PDB file of N, CA and C in Angstrom:
ATOM      1  N   UNK A   1     -25.126   0.818   7.319  1.00  0.00           N
ATOM      2  CA  UNK A   1     -26.323   1.072   8.086  1.00  0.00           C
ATOM      3  C   UNK A   1     -27.360   0.013   7.810  1.00  0.00           C
ATOM      4  N   UNK A   2     -27.869  -0.070   6.558  1.00  0.00           N
ATOM      5  CA  UNK A   2     -28.841  -0.606   5.999  1.00  0.00           C
ATOM      6  C   UNK A   2     -28.765  -2.280   6.281  1.00  0.00           C
ATOM      7  N   UNK A   3     -27.591  -2.792   6.107  1.00  0.00           N
ATOM      8  CA  UNK A   3     -27.384  -4.172   6.369  1.00  0.00           C
ATOM      9  C   UNK A   3     -27.499  -4.535   7.716  1.00  0.00           C
ATOM     10  N   UNK A   4     -26.620  -3.727   8.688  1.00  0.00           N
ATOM     11  CA  UNK A   4     -26.729  -3.852  10.139  1.00  0.00           C
ATOM     12  C   UNK A   4     -28.327  -3.816  10.537  1.00  0.00           C
ATOM     13  N   UNK A   5     -29.054  -2.935   9.994  1.00  0.00           N
ATOM     14  CA  UNK A   5     -30.422  -2.853  10.546  1.00  0.00           C
ATOM     15  C   UNK A   5     -31.342  -4.038  10.173  1.00  0.00           C
ATOM     16  N   UNK A   6     -31.109  -4.676   8.871  1.00  0.00           N
ATOM     17  CA  UNK A   6     -31.732  -5.923   8.554  1.00  0.00           C
ATOM     18  C   UNK A   6     -31.286  -7.081   9.558  1.00  0.00           C
ATOM     19  N   UNK A   7     -30.022  -7.015   9.566  1.00  0.00           N
ATOM     20  CA  UNK A   7     -29.437  -8.019  10.506  1.00  0.00           C
ATOM     21  C   UNK A   7     -29.981  -7.993  11.951  1.00  0.00           C
ATOM     22  N   UNK A   8     -30.144  -6.894  12.333  1.00  0.00           N
ATOM     23  CA  UNK A   8     -30.647  -6.626  13.985  1.00  0.00           C
ATOM     24  C   UNK A   8     -31.831  -7.144  13.771  1.00  0.00           C
ATOM     25  N   UNK A   9     -32.885  -6.678  13.095  1.00  0.00           N
ATOM     26  CA  UNK A   9     -34.216  -7.156  13.037  1.00  0.00           C
ATOM     27  C   UNK A   9     -34.489  -8.570  12.823  1.00  0.00           C
ATOM     28  N   UNK A  10     -33.600  -9.092  11.936  1.00  0.00           N
ATOM     29  CA  UNK A  10     -33.766 -10.506  11.558  1.00  0.00           C
ATOM     30  C   UNK A  10     -33.365 -11.489  12.811  1.00  0.00           C
ATOM     31  N   UNK A  11     -32.395 -11.031  13.603  1.00  0.00           N
ATOM     32  CA  UNK A  11     -32.081 -11.750  14.884  1.00  0.00           C
ATOM     33  C   UNK A  11     -33.016 -11.725  15.897  1.00  0.00           C
ATOM     34  N   UNK A  12     -33.908 -10.678  15.826  1.00  0.00           N
ATOM     35  CA  UNK A  12     -35.050 -10.629  16.736  1.00  0.00           C
ATOM     36  C   UNK A  12     -36.168 -11.472  16.357  1.00  0.00           C
ATOM     37  N   UNK A  13     -36.317 -11.745  15.033  1.00  0.00           N
ATOM     38  CA  UNK A  13     -37.503 -12.459  14.740  1.00  0.00           C
ATOM     39  C   UNK A  13     -37.472 -13.882  14.677  1.00  0.00           C
ATOM     40  N   UNK A  14     -36.259 -14.225  14.054  1.00  0.00           N
ATOM     41  CA  UNK A  14     -35.834 -15.799  13.551  1.00  0.00           C
ATOM     42  C   UNK A  14     -34.862 -16.252  14.590  1.00  0.00           C
ATOM     43  N   UNK A  15     -35.643 -17.467  15.342  1.00  0.00           N
ATOM     44  CA  UNK A  15     -34.957 -18.082  16.358  1.00  0.00           C
ATOM     45  C   UNK A  15     -34.727 -19.533  15.978  1.00  0.00           C
ATOM     46  N   UNK A  16     -34.964 -19.887  14.804  1.00  0.00           N
ATOM     47  CA  UNK A  16     -34.547 -21.261  14.329  1.00  0.00           C
ATOM     48  C   UNK A  16     -33.407 -21.235  13.442  1.00  0.00           C
ATOM     49  N   UNK A  17     -33.150 -20.458  12.319  1.00  0.00           N
ATOM     50  CA  UNK A  17     -32.171 -20.837  11.400  1.00  0.00           C
ATOM     51  C   UNK A  17     -30.774 -20.246  11.937  1.00  0.00           C
ATOM     52  N   UNK A  18     -29.836 -20.868  11.071  1.00  0.00           N
ATOM     53  CA  UNK A  18     -28.393 -20.461  11.122  1.00  0.00           C
ATOM     54  C   UNK A  18     -28.078 -19.414  10.068  1.00  0.00           C
ATOM     55  N   UNK A  19     -27.178 -18.555  10.440  1.00  0.00           N
ATOM     56  CA  UNK A  19     -26.563 -17.522   9.444  1.00  0.00           C
ATOM     57  C   UNK A  19     -25.241 -17.649   9.618  1.00  0.00           C
ATOM     58  N   UNK A  20     -24.538 -17.306   8.244  1.00  0.00           N
ATOM     59  CA  UNK A  20     -23.108 -17.159   8.194  1.00  0.00           C
ATOM     60  C   UNK A  20     -23.013 -15.673   7.370  1.00  0.00           C
ATOM     61  N   UNK A  21     -22.268 -14.900   8.082  1.00  0.00           N
ATOM     62  CA  UNK A  21     -22.022 -13.699   7.400  1.00  0.00           C
ATOM     63  C   UNK A  21     -20.568 -13.762   6.716  1.00  0.00           C
ATOM     64  N   UNK A  22     -20.414 -13.639   5.331  1.00  0.00           N
ATOM     65  CA  UNK A  22     -19.246 -13.785   4.673  1.00  0.00           C
ATOM     66  C   UNK A  22     -18.709 -12.391   4.353  1.00  0.00           C
ATOM     67  N   UNK A  23     -17.462 -12.185   4.255  1.00  0.00           N
ATOM     68  CA  UNK A  23     -16.747 -10.867   3.699  1.00  0.00           C
ATOM     69  C   UNK A  23     -15.396 -11.239   3.273  1.00  0.00           C
ATOM     70  N   UNK A  24     -14.799 -10.584   2.510  1.00  0.00           N
ATOM     71  CA  UNK A  24     -13.491 -10.808   1.939  1.00  0.00           C
ATOM     72  C   UNK A  24     -12.460 -10.187   2.942  1.00  0.00           C
ATOM     73  N   UNK A  25     -12.825  -9.429   3.752  1.00  0.00           N
ATOM     74  CA  UNK A  25     -12.027  -9.010   4.971  1.00  0.00           C
ATOM     75  C   UNK A  25     -12.922  -8.796   6.126  1.00  0.00           C
ATOM     76  N   UNK A  26     -12.079  -8.691   7.422  1.00  0.00           N
ATOM     77  CA  UNK A  26     -12.686  -8.594   8.756  1.00  0.00           C
ATOM     78  C   UNK A  26     -13.516  -7.242   8.653  1.00  0.00           C
ATOM     79  N   UNK A  27     -14.680  -7.403   9.468  1.00  0.00           N
ATOM     80  CA  UNK A  27     -15.491  -6.330   9.735  1.00  0.00           C
ATOM     81  C   UNK A  27     -16.140  -6.323  11.191  1.00  0.00           C
ATOM     82  N   UNK A  28     -16.211  -5.095  11.561  1.00  0.00           N
ATOM     83  CA  UNK A  28     -16.863  -4.978  12.930  1.00  0.00           C
ATOM     84  C   UNK A  28     -18.329  -5.231  12.891  1.00  0.00           C
ATOM     85  N   UNK A  29     -18.915  -6.307  13.513  1.00  0.00           N
ATOM     86  CA  UNK A  29     -20.002  -6.606  13.793  1.00  0.00           C
ATOM     87  C   UNK A  29     -20.382  -7.646  14.890  1.00  0.00           C
ATOM     88  N   UNK A  30     -21.003  -7.321  16.033  1.00  0.00           N
ATOM     89  CA  UNK A  30     -21.128  -8.296  17.162  1.00  0.00           C
ATOM     90  C   UNK A  30     -22.452  -9.207  16.790  1.00  0.00           C
ATOM     91  N   UNK A  31     -21.869 -10.591  16.671  1.00  0.00           N
ATOM     92  CA  UNK A  31     -22.824 -11.661  16.380  1.00  0.00           C
ATOM     93  C   UNK A  31     -23.958 -11.675  17.481  1.00  0.00           C
ATOM     94  N   UNK A  32     -25.248 -11.697  17.202  1.00  0.00           N
ATOM     95  CA  UNK A  32     -26.300 -11.756  18.341  1.00  0.00           C
ATOM     96  C   UNK A  32     -26.273 -13.168  19.190  1.00  0.00           C
ATOM     97  N   UNK A  33     -26.078 -14.226  18.618  1.00  0.00           N
ATOM     98  CA  UNK A  33     -26.138 -15.386  19.279  1.00  0.00           C
ATOM     99  C   UNK A  33     -25.420 -16.463  18.581  1.00  0.00           C
ATOM    100  N   UNK A  34     -25.163 -17.735  19.208  1.00  0.00           N
ATOM    101  CA  UNK A  34     -24.634 -18.797  18.640  1.00  0.00           C
ATOM    102  C   UNK A  34     -24.906 -19.400  17.364  1.00  0.00           C
ATOM    103  N   UNK A  35     -26.173 -18.970  16.719  1.00  0.00           N
ATOM    104  CA  UNK A  35     -26.766 -19.415  15.541  1.00  0.00           C
ATOM    105  C   UNK A  35     -26.203 -18.663  14.439  1.00  0.00           C
ATOM    106  N   UNK A  36     -25.259 -17.647  14.697  1.00  0.00           N
ATOM    107  CA  UNK A  36     -24.636 -16.757  13.851  1.00  0.00           C
ATOM    108  C   UNK A  36     -23.067 -16.881  13.797  1.00  0.00           C
ATOM    109  N   UNK A  37     -22.600 -16.832  12.574  1.00  0.00           N
ATOM    110  CA  UNK A  37     -21.112 -16.897  12.342  1.00  0.00           C
ATOM    111  C   UNK A  37     -20.597 -15.961  11.468  1.00  0.00           C
ATOM    112  N   UNK A  38     -19.546 -15.660  11.472  1.00  0.00           N
ATOM    113  CA  UNK A  38     -18.671 -14.720  10.698  1.00  0.00           C
ATOM    114  C   UNK A  38     -17.503 -15.334   9.881  1.00  0.00           C
ATOM    115  N   UNK A  39     -17.460 -15.477   8.689  1.00  0.00           N
ATOM    116  CA  UNK A  39     -16.249 -16.001   8.177  1.00  0.00           C
ATOM    117  C   UNK A  39     -15.690 -14.917   7.150  1.00  0.00           C
ATOM    118  N   UNK A  40     -14.367 -14.750   7.212  1.00  0.00           N
ATOM    119  CA  UNK A  40     -13.709 -13.690   6.214  1.00  0.00           C
ATOM    120  C   UNK A  40     -12.400 -14.392   5.809  1.00  0.00           C
ATOM    121  N   UNK A  41     -12.054 -13.884   4.673  1.00  0.00           N
ATOM    122  CA  UNK A  41     -10.886 -14.641   3.912  1.00  0.00           C
ATOM    123  C   UNK A  41     -10.437 -13.435   3.236  1.00  0.00           C
ATOM    124  N   UNK A  42      -9.256 -13.813   2.552  1.00  0.00           N
ATOM    125  CA  UNK A  42      -8.421 -12.675   1.858  1.00  0.00           C
ATOM    126  C   UNK A  42      -7.585 -13.400   0.835  1.00  0.00           C
ATOM    127  N   UNK A  43      -7.974 -13.564  -0.293  1.00  0.00           N
ATOM    128  CA  UNK A  43      -7.214 -13.894  -1.486  1.00  0.00           C
ATOM    129  C   UNK A  43      -6.972 -12.724  -2.112  1.00  0.00           C
ATOM    130  N   UNK A  44      -7.745 -11.844  -2.020  1.00  0.00           N
ATOM    131  CA  UNK A  44      -7.344 -10.454  -2.617  1.00  0.00           C
ATOM    132  C   UNK A  44      -8.098  -9.442  -1.626  1.00  0.00           C
ATOM    133  N   UNK A  45      -7.744  -8.093  -1.976  1.00  0.00           N
ATOM    134  CA  UNK A  45      -8.284  -6.987  -1.189  1.00  0.00           C
ATOM    135  C   UNK A  45      -9.492  -6.459  -1.978  1.00  0.00           C
ATOM    136  N   UNK A  46      -9.765  -6.908  -3.145  1.00  0.00           N
ATOM    137  CA  UNK A  46     -10.798  -6.523  -3.997  1.00  0.00           C
ATOM    138  C   UNK A  46     -12.101  -7.539  -3.593  1.00  0.00           C
ATOM    139  N   UNK A  47     -12.913  -6.950  -3.233  1.00  0.00           N
ATOM    140  CA  UNK A  47     -14.294  -7.796  -2.850  1.00  0.00           C
ATOM    141  C   UNK A  47     -14.985  -8.546  -4.030  1.00  0.00           C
ATOM    142  N   UNK A  48     -15.011  -7.436  -5.256  1.00  0.00           N
ATOM    143  CA  UNK A  48     -15.742  -8.219  -6.327  1.00  0.00           C
ATOM    144  C   UNK A  48     -14.860  -9.533  -6.945  1.00  0.00           C
ATOM    145  N   UNK A  49     -13.721  -9.335  -6.708  1.00  0.00           N
ATOM    146  CA  UNK A  49     -12.901 -10.596  -7.244  1.00  0.00           C
ATOM    147  C   UNK A  49     -13.010 -11.682  -6.392  1.00  0.00           C
ATOM    148  N   UNK A  50     -13.030 -11.479  -5.004  1.00  0.00           N
ATOM    149  CA  UNK A  50     -13.201 -12.515  -3.894  1.00  0.00           C
ATOM    150  C   UNK A  50     -14.517 -13.158  -4.002  1.00  0.00           C
ATOM    151  N   UNK A  51     -15.736 -12.287  -4.480  1.00  0.00           N
ATOM    152  CA  UNK A  51     -17.030 -12.886  -4.514  1.00  0.00           C
ATOM    153  C   UNK A  51     -16.915 -14.046  -5.774  1.00  0.00           C
ATOM    154  N   UNK A  52     -16.332 -13.785  -6.767  1.00  0.00           N
ATOM    155  CA  UNK A  52     -16.097 -14.704  -7.963  1.00  0.00           C
ATOM    156  C   UNK A  52     -15.145 -15.870  -7.602  1.00  0.00           C
ATOM    157  N   UNK A  53     -14.160 -15.559  -6.811  1.00  0.00           N
ATOM    158  CA  UNK A  53     -12.822 -16.555  -6.867  1.00  0.00           C
ATOM    159  C   UNK A  53     -13.104 -17.528  -5.654  1.00  0.00           C
ATOM    160  N   UNK A  54     -13.467 -17.172  -4.259  1.00  0.00           N
ATOM    161  CA  UNK A  54     -13.465 -17.857  -3.134  1.00  0.00           C
ATOM    162  C   UNK A  54     -14.809 -18.220  -2.604  1.00  0.00           C
ATOM    163  N   UNK A  55     -15.618 -17.115  -2.672  1.00  0.00           N
ATOM    164  CA  UNK A  55     -17.102 -17.308  -1.923  1.00  0.00           C
ATOM    165  C   UNK A  55     -17.827 -18.483  -2.444  1.00  0.00           C
ATOM    166  N   UNK A  56     -17.961 -18.690  -3.626  1.00  0.00           N
ATOM    167  CA  UNK A  56     -18.799 -19.909  -4.219  1.00  0.00           C
ATOM    168  C   UNK A  56     -18.259 -21.113  -3.554  1.00  0.00           C
ATOM    169  N   UNK A  57     -16.996 -21.401  -3.339  1.00  0.00           N
ATOM    170  CA  UNK A  57     -16.501 -22.565  -2.694  1.00  0.00           C
ATOM    171  C   UNK A  57     -16.997 -22.694  -1.158  1.00  0.00           C
ATOM    172  N   UNK A  58     -17.206 -21.567  -0.738  1.00  0.00           N
ATOM    173  CA  UNK A  58     -17.601 -21.351   0.767  1.00  0.00           C
ATOM    174  C   UNK A  58     -19.023 -21.580   0.830  1.00  0.00           C
ATOM    175  N   UNK A  59     -19.790 -21.367  -0.170  1.00  0.00           N
ATOM    176  CA  UNK A  59     -21.375 -21.304  -0.252  1.00  0.00           C
ATOM    177  C   UNK A  59     -21.386 -22.921  -0.250  1.00  0.00           C
ATOM    178  N   UNK A  60     -20.788 -23.552  -1.305  1.00  0.00           N
ATOM    179  CA  UNK A  60     -20.801 -25.172  -1.535  1.00  0.00           C
ATOM    180  C   UNK A  60     -20.617 -25.677   0.029  1.00  0.00           C
ATOM    181  N   UNK A  61     -19.380 -25.546   0.449  1.00  0.00           N
ATOM    182  CA  UNK A  61     -18.853 -25.970   1.533  1.00  0.00           C
ATOM    183  C   UNK A  61     -19.850 -26.060   2.742  1.00  0.00           C
ATOM    184  N   UNK A  62     -20.344 -24.947   3.089  1.00  0.00           N
ATOM    185  CA  UNK A  62     -21.390 -24.742   4.035  1.00  0.00           C
ATOM    186  C   UNK A  62     -22.662 -24.981   3.730  1.00  0.00           C
ATOM    187  N   UNK A  63     -23.113 -25.409   2.489  1.00  0.00           N
ATOM    188  CA  UNK A  63     -24.390 -26.098   2.144  1.00  0.00           C
ATOM    189  C   UNK A  63     -25.547 -24.872   2.561  1.00  0.00           C
ATOM    190  N   UNK A  64     -25.162 -23.674   2.022  1.00  0.00           N
ATOM    191  CA  UNK A  64     -26.072 -22.599   1.940  1.00  0.00           C
ATOM    192  C   UNK A  64     -27.451 -22.763   1.414  1.00  0.00           C
ATOM    193  N   UNK A  65     -28.514 -22.537   1.910  1.00  0.00           N
ATOM    194  CA  UNK A  65     -29.855 -22.870   1.228  1.00  0.00           C
ATOM    195  C   UNK A  65     -30.184 -21.548   0.463  1.00  0.00           C
ATOM    196  N   UNK A  66     -29.949 -20.375   1.252  1.00  0.00           N
ATOM    197  CA  UNK A  66     -30.246 -19.028   0.669  1.00  0.00           C
ATOM    198  C   UNK A  66     -29.063 -18.127   0.882  1.00  0.00           C
ATOM    199  N   UNK A  67     -28.530 -17.555  -0.357  1.00  0.00           N
ATOM    200  CA  UNK A  67     -27.709 -16.525  -0.282  1.00  0.00           C
ATOM    201  C   UNK A  67     -28.082 -15.162  -0.471  1.00  0.00           C
ATOM    202  N   UNK A  68     -27.926 -14.342   0.528  1.00  0.00           N
ATOM    203  CA  UNK A  68     -28.250 -12.927   0.260  1.00  0.00           C
ATOM    204  C   UNK A  68     -27.177 -11.929  -0.045  1.00  0.00           C
ATOM    205  N   UNK A  69     -27.119 -11.534  -0.869  1.00  0.00           N
ATOM    206  CA  UNK A  69     -26.010 -10.621  -1.439  1.00  0.00           C
ATOM    207  C   UNK A  69     -26.309  -9.101  -1.328  1.00  0.00           C
ATOM    208  N   UNK A  70     -25.459  -8.420  -0.804  1.00  0.00           N
ATOM    209  CA  UNK A  70     -25.839  -6.984  -0.673  1.00  0.00           C
ATOM    210  C   UNK A  70     -25.157  -5.979  -1.684  1.00  0.00           C
ATOM    211  N   UNK A  71     -24.506  -6.615  -2.598  1.00  0.00           N
ATOM    212  CA  UNK A  71     -23.855  -6.014  -3.679  1.00  0.00           C
ATOM    213  C   UNK A  71     -24.627  -6.194  -4.769  1.00  0.00           C
ATOM    214  N   UNK A  72     -24.020  -5.759  -5.975  1.00  0.00           N
ATOM    215  CA  UNK A  72     -24.741  -6.012  -7.305  1.00  0.00           C
ATOM    216  C   UNK A  72     -24.614  -6.981  -8.155  1.00  0.00           C
ATOM    217  N   UNK A  73     -23.799  -8.099  -7.690  1.00  0.00           N
ATOM    218  CA  UNK A  73     -23.598  -9.397  -8.248  1.00  0.00           C
ATOM    219  C   UNK A  73     -23.492 -10.602  -7.589  1.00  0.00           C
ATOM    220  N   UNK A  74     -23.646 -11.602  -8.343  1.00  0.00           N
ATOM    221  CA  UNK A  74     -23.665 -12.932  -7.589  1.00  0.00           C
ATOM    222  C   UNK A  74     -22.466 -13.657  -7.995  1.00  0.00           C
ATOM    223  N   UNK A  75     -22.004 -14.610  -7.230  1.00  0.00           N
ATOM    224  CA  UNK A  75     -20.884 -15.431  -7.621  1.00  0.00           C
ATOM    225  C   UNK A  75     -21.334 -16.385  -8.780  1.00  0.00           C
ATOM    226  N   UNK A  76     -20.563 -16.325  -9.944  1.00  0.00           N
ATOM    227  CA  UNK A  76     -20.904 -17.130 -11.166  1.00  0.00           C
ATOM    228  C   UNK A  76     -21.037 -18.569 -10.853  1.00  0.00           C
ATOM    229  N   UNK A  77     -20.191 -19.088 -10.181  1.00  0.00           N
ATOM    230  CA  UNK A  77     -19.971 -20.467  -9.833  1.00  0.00           C
ATOM    231  C   UNK A  77     -20.774 -21.090  -8.607  1.00  0.00           C
ATOM    232  N   UNK A  78     -21.654 -20.223  -8.295  1.00  0.00           N
ATOM    233  CA  UNK A  78     -22.538 -20.430  -7.026  1.00  0.00           C
ATOM    234  C   UNK A  78     -23.295 -21.951  -7.233  1.00  0.00           C
ATOM    235  N   UNK A  79     -23.406 -22.765  -6.306  1.00  0.00           N
ATOM    236  CA  UNK A  79     -24.073 -23.826  -6.477  1.00  0.00           C
ATOM    237  C   UNK A  79     -25.602 -23.586  -7.046  1.00  0.00           C
ATOM    238  N   UNK A  80     -26.102 -24.375  -8.153  1.00  0.00           N
ATOM    239  CA  UNK A  80     -27.305 -24.036  -8.667  1.00  0.00           C
ATOM    240  C   UNK A  80     -28.402 -24.348  -7.645  1.00  0.00           C
ATOM    241  N   UNK A  81     -28.253 -25.249  -6.738  1.00  0.00           N
ATOM    242  CA  UNK A  81     -29.255 -25.446  -5.729  1.00  0.00           C
ATOM    243  C   UNK A  81     -29.455 -24.257  -4.518  1.00  0.00           C
ATOM    244  N   UNK A  82     -28.554 -23.466  -4.715  1.00  0.00           N
ATOM    245  CA  UNK A  82     -28.530 -22.424  -3.805  1.00  0.00           C
ATOM    246  C   UNK A  82     -29.472 -21.259  -4.233  1.00  0.00           C
ATOM    247  N   UNK A  83     -30.468 -20.789  -3.470  1.00  0.00           N
ATOM    248  CA  UNK A  83     -31.398 -19.783  -3.919  1.00  0.00           C
ATOM    249  C   UNK A  83     -30.691 -18.468  -3.668  1.00  0.00           C
ATOM    250  N   UNK A  84     -31.060 -17.639  -4.240  1.00  0.00           N
ATOM    251  CA  UNK A  84     -30.181 -16.175  -4.246  1.00  0.00           C
ATOM    252  C   UNK A  84     -31.197 -14.914  -4.103  1.00  0.00           C
ATOM    253  N   UNK A  85     -30.719 -14.040  -3.090  1.00  0.00           N
ATOM    254  CA  UNK A  85     -31.452 -12.589  -3.121  1.00  0.00           C
ATOM    255  C   UNK A  85     -30.499 -11.544  -3.324  1.00  0.00           C
ATOM    256  N   UNK A  86     -30.681 -10.689  -4.097  1.00  0.00           N
ATOM    257  CA  UNK A  86     -29.861  -9.277  -4.031  1.00  0.00           C
ATOM    258  C   UNK A  86     -30.624  -8.158  -3.669  1.00  0.00           C
ATOM    259  N   UNK A  87     -30.144  -7.341  -2.958  1.00  0.00           N
ATOM    260  CA  UNK A  87     -30.780  -6.036  -2.394  1.00  0.00           C
ATOM    261  C   UNK A  87     -29.693  -4.996  -2.454  1.00  0.00           C
TER     262      UNK A  87
END
């Protein structure tokens, strides 16, 4: 509920930036507009393993400026130039 509320409010106030929602498996969320993307993958069914094994490469490939993590950990191999926020 918390994450959905933050995303909903963010989509109302920010009309410039692009957003990519990453997850280790598919999830139900209606994207607010074309500046939002959803990317899911599944090397593993465990999200914490996926965060360390696959997500760092996606962050680098997509040239993410700021990564917002809603769990308690960050990818160890996350690009150094990517800023990070955890909540």
